Amino acid sequence: MGILLMLAGVIIITIFGLYKILKELKAGDIYTLYLIVKDQEDYVEGYLRNVVKRIKREGIPGRLVVLVGASRDQTGAIVQRLARKLSFIVREIN
């Protein structure tokens, strides 16, 4: 339970930080946003859908690149499936 609360806090802080970055970049610059994920099969889909929705809503030009670490769960497969639906780039890292 404590780990879930801590993870939820990290996600909320990350989304808030992402929002601030995207707001600053809205000035017309083209950017690349890199996100690194590993062993997050329970959370990665909602998180990435949120990020893509936010980028589109704010109308910020650029691209999203998701770097997938050597996950021991289905994180990589989930990210690959979402990349086809939501049009972002995926790279495997070790």
C-alpha atoms as a PDB file:
ATOM      1  CA  MET A   1       0.000   0.000   0.000  1.00  0.00           C
ATOM      2  CA  GLY A   2       2.793   2.416   0.906  1.00  0.00           C
ATOM      3  CA  ILE A   3       4.581   1.732  -2.375  1.00  0.00           C
ATOM      4  CA  LEU A   4       1.383   2.436  -4.343  1.00  0.00           C
ATOM      5  CA  LEU A   5       0.929   5.764  -2.590  1.00  0.00           C
ATOM      6  CA  MET A   6       4.541   6.674  -3.234  1.00  0.00           C
ATOM      7  CA  LEU A   7       4.219   5.710  -6.908  1.00  0.00           C
ATOM      8  CA  ALA A   8       1.005   7.723  -7.230  1.00  0.00           C
ATOM      9  CA  GLY A   9       2.814  10.732  -5.752  1.00  0.00           C
ATOM     10  CA  VAL A  10       5.688  10.352  -8.200  1.00  0.00           C
ATOM     11  CA  ILE A  11       3.260  10.137 -11.119  1.00  0.00           C
ATOM     12  CA  ILE A  12       1.376  13.237  -9.981  1.00  0.00           C
ATOM     13  CA  ILE A  13       4.601  15.199  -9.541  1.00  0.00           C
ATOM     14  CA  THR A  14       5.811  14.009 -12.953  1.00  0.00           C
ATOM     15  CA  ILE A  15       2.574  15.035 -14.669  1.00  0.00           C
ATOM     16  CA  PHE A  16       2.684  18.453 -12.981  1.00  0.00           C
ATOM     17  CA  GLY A  17       6.310  18.912 -14.066  1.00  0.00           C
ATOM     18  CA  LEU A  18       5.441  17.807 -17.585  1.00  0.00           C
ATOM     19  CA  TYR A  19       2.600  20.302 -17.696  1.00  0.00           C
ATOM     20  CA  LYS A  20       4.930  23.130 -16.687  1.00  0.00           C
ATOM     21  CA  ILE A  21       7.487  22.112 -19.325  1.00  0.00           C
ATOM     22  CA  LEU A  22       4.865  21.843 -22.053  1.00  0.00           C
ATOM     23  CA  LYS A  23       3.411  25.215 -21.125  1.00  0.00           C
ATOM     24  CA  GLU A  24       6.827  26.850 -21.436  1.00  0.00           C
ATOM     25  CA  LEU A  25       7.504  25.161 -24.772  1.00  0.00           C
ATOM     26  CA  LYS A  26       4.215  26.300 -26.257  1.00  0.00           C
ATOM     27  CA  ALA A  27       5.944  29.402 -27.587  1.00  0.00           C
ATOM     28  CA  GLY A  28       6.385  27.722 -30.980  1.00  0.00           C
ATOM     29  CA  ASP A  29       9.573  25.747 -30.513  1.00  0.00           C
ATOM     30  CA  ILE A  30       9.675  22.212 -31.849  1.00  0.00           C
ATOM     31  CA  TYR A  31      10.754  19.805 -29.149  1.00  0.00           C
ATOM     32  CA  THR A  32      11.390  16.152 -28.413  1.00  0.00           C
ATOM     33  CA  LEU A  33      10.130  14.806 -25.112  1.00  0.00           C
ATOM     34  CA  TYR A  34      11.872  11.652 -23.899  1.00  0.00           C
ATOM     35  CA  LEU A  35      10.230   9.400 -21.333  1.00  0.00           C
ATOM     36  CA  ILE A  36      11.946   6.357 -19.843  1.00  0.00           C
ATOM     37  CA  VAL A  37       9.832   3.456 -18.616  1.00  0.00           C
ATOM     38  CA  LYS A  38      10.657   0.080 -17.093  1.00  0.00           C
ATOM     39  CA  ASP A  39       8.532  -2.518 -15.284  1.00  0.00           C
ATOM     40  CA  GLN A  40       5.416  -0.315 -15.233  1.00  0.00           C
ATOM     41  CA  GLU A  41       2.803  -2.528 -16.926  1.00  0.00           C
ATOM     42  CA  ASP A  42       0.087  -1.515 -14.466  1.00  0.00           C
ATOM     43  CA  TYR A  43       0.531   2.223 -15.013  1.00  0.00           C
ATOM     44  CA  VAL A  44       2.236   2.916 -18.329  1.00  0.00           C
ATOM     45  CA  GLU A  45      -0.858   2.911 -20.553  1.00  0.00           C
ATOM     46  CA  GLY A  46      -2.761   5.508 -18.565  1.00  0.00           C
ATOM     47  CA  TYR A  47       0.329   7.637 -18.136  1.00  0.00           C
ATOM     48  CA  LEU A  48       1.221   7.667 -21.849  1.00  0.00           C
ATOM     49  CA  ARG A  49      -2.367   8.320 -22.902  1.00  0.00           C
ATOM     50  CA  ASN A  50      -2.386  11.290 -20.502  1.00  0.00           C
ATOM     51  CA  VAL A  51       0.883  12.662 -21.874  1.00  0.00           C
ATOM     52  CA  VAL A  52      -0.221  12.369 -25.520  1.00  0.00           C
ATOM     53  CA  LYS A  53      -3.610  13.921 -24.735  1.00  0.00           C
ATOM     54  CA  ARG A  54      -1.913  16.827 -22.960  1.00  0.00           C
ATOM     55  CA  ILE A  55       0.489  17.459 -25.844  1.00  0.00           C
ATOM     56  CA  LYS A  56      -2.379  17.503 -28.347  1.00  0.00           C
ATOM     57  CA  ARG A  57      -4.607  19.650 -26.149  1.00  0.00           C
ATOM     58  CA  GLU A  58      -1.885  22.247 -25.683  1.00  0.00           C
ATOM     59  CA  GLY A  59      -1.129  22.212 -29.438  1.00  0.00           C
ATOM     60  CA  ILE A  60       2.605  21.914 -28.910  1.00  0.00           C
ATOM     61  CA  PRO A  61       4.645  20.885 -31.980  1.00  0.00           C
ATOM     62  CA  GLY A  62       7.150  18.114 -31.556  1.00  0.00           C
ATOM     63  CA  ARG A  63       7.453  14.428 -30.921  1.00  0.00           C
ATOM     64  CA  LEU A  64       7.343  11.990 -28.064  1.00  0.00           C
ATOM     65  CA  VAL A  65      10.012   9.301 -27.731  1.00  0.00           C
ATOM     66  CA  VAL A  66       9.469   6.556 -25.172  1.00  0.00           C
ATOM     67  CA  LEU A  67      12.580   4.671 -24.098  1.00  0.00           C
ATOM     68  CA  VAL A  68      11.743   1.218 -22.746  1.00  0.00           C
ATOM     69  CA  GLY A  69      14.245  -0.323 -20.345  1.00  0.00           C
ATOM     70  CA  ALA A  70      14.804  -4.060 -20.034  1.00  0.00           C
ATOM     71  CA  SER A  71      11.452  -4.686 -18.380  1.00  0.00           C
ATOM     72  CA  ARG A  72      10.613  -8.045 -16.854  1.00  0.00           C
ATOM     73  CA  ASP A  73       6.896  -7.485 -17.407  1.00  0.00           C
ATOM     74  CA  GLN A  74       4.694  -6.465 -20.351  1.00  0.00           C
ATOM     75  CA  THR A  75       5.668  -2.790 -20.343  1.00  0.00           C
ATOM     76  CA  GLY A  76       7.424  -3.024 -23.722  1.00  0.00           C
ATOM     77  CA  ALA A  77       4.493  -4.745 -25.436  1.00  0.00           C
ATOM     78  CA  ILE A  78       2.034  -2.211 -24.016  1.00  0.00           C
ATOM     79  CA  VAL A  79       4.183   0.718 -25.152  1.00  0.00           C
ATOM     80  CA  GLN A  80       4.585  -0.768 -28.662  1.00  0.00           C
ATOM     81  CA  ARG A  81       0.814  -1.220 -28.996  1.00  0.00           C
ATOM     82  CA  LEU A  82       0.145   2.343 -27.829  1.00  0.00           C
ATOM     83  CA  ALA A  83       2.804   3.752 -30.158  1.00  0.00           C
ATOM     84  CA  ARG A  84       0.901   2.356 -33.139  1.00  0.00           C
ATOM     85  CA  LYS A  85      -2.368   3.893 -31.894  1.00  0.00           C
ATOM     86  CA  LEU A  86      -1.071   7.225 -30.581  1.00  0.00           C
ATOM     87  CA  SER A  87       1.804   7.861 -33.040  1.00  0.00           C
ATOM     88  CA  PHE A  88       4.900   8.180 -30.890  1.00  0.00           C
ATOM     89  CA  ILE A  89       8.390   6.710 -31.229  1.00  0.00           C
ATOM     90  CA  VAL A  90       9.616   3.758 -29.167  1.00  0.00           C
ATOM     91  CA  ARG A  91      13.222   2.759 -28.581  1.00  0.00           C
ATOM     92  CA  GLU A  92      14.427  -0.209 -26.550  1.00  0.00           C
ATOM     93  CA  ILE A  93      17.316   0.472 -24.148  1.00  0.00           C
ATOM     94  CA  ASN A  94      19.256  -1.875 -21.906  1.00  0.00           C
END
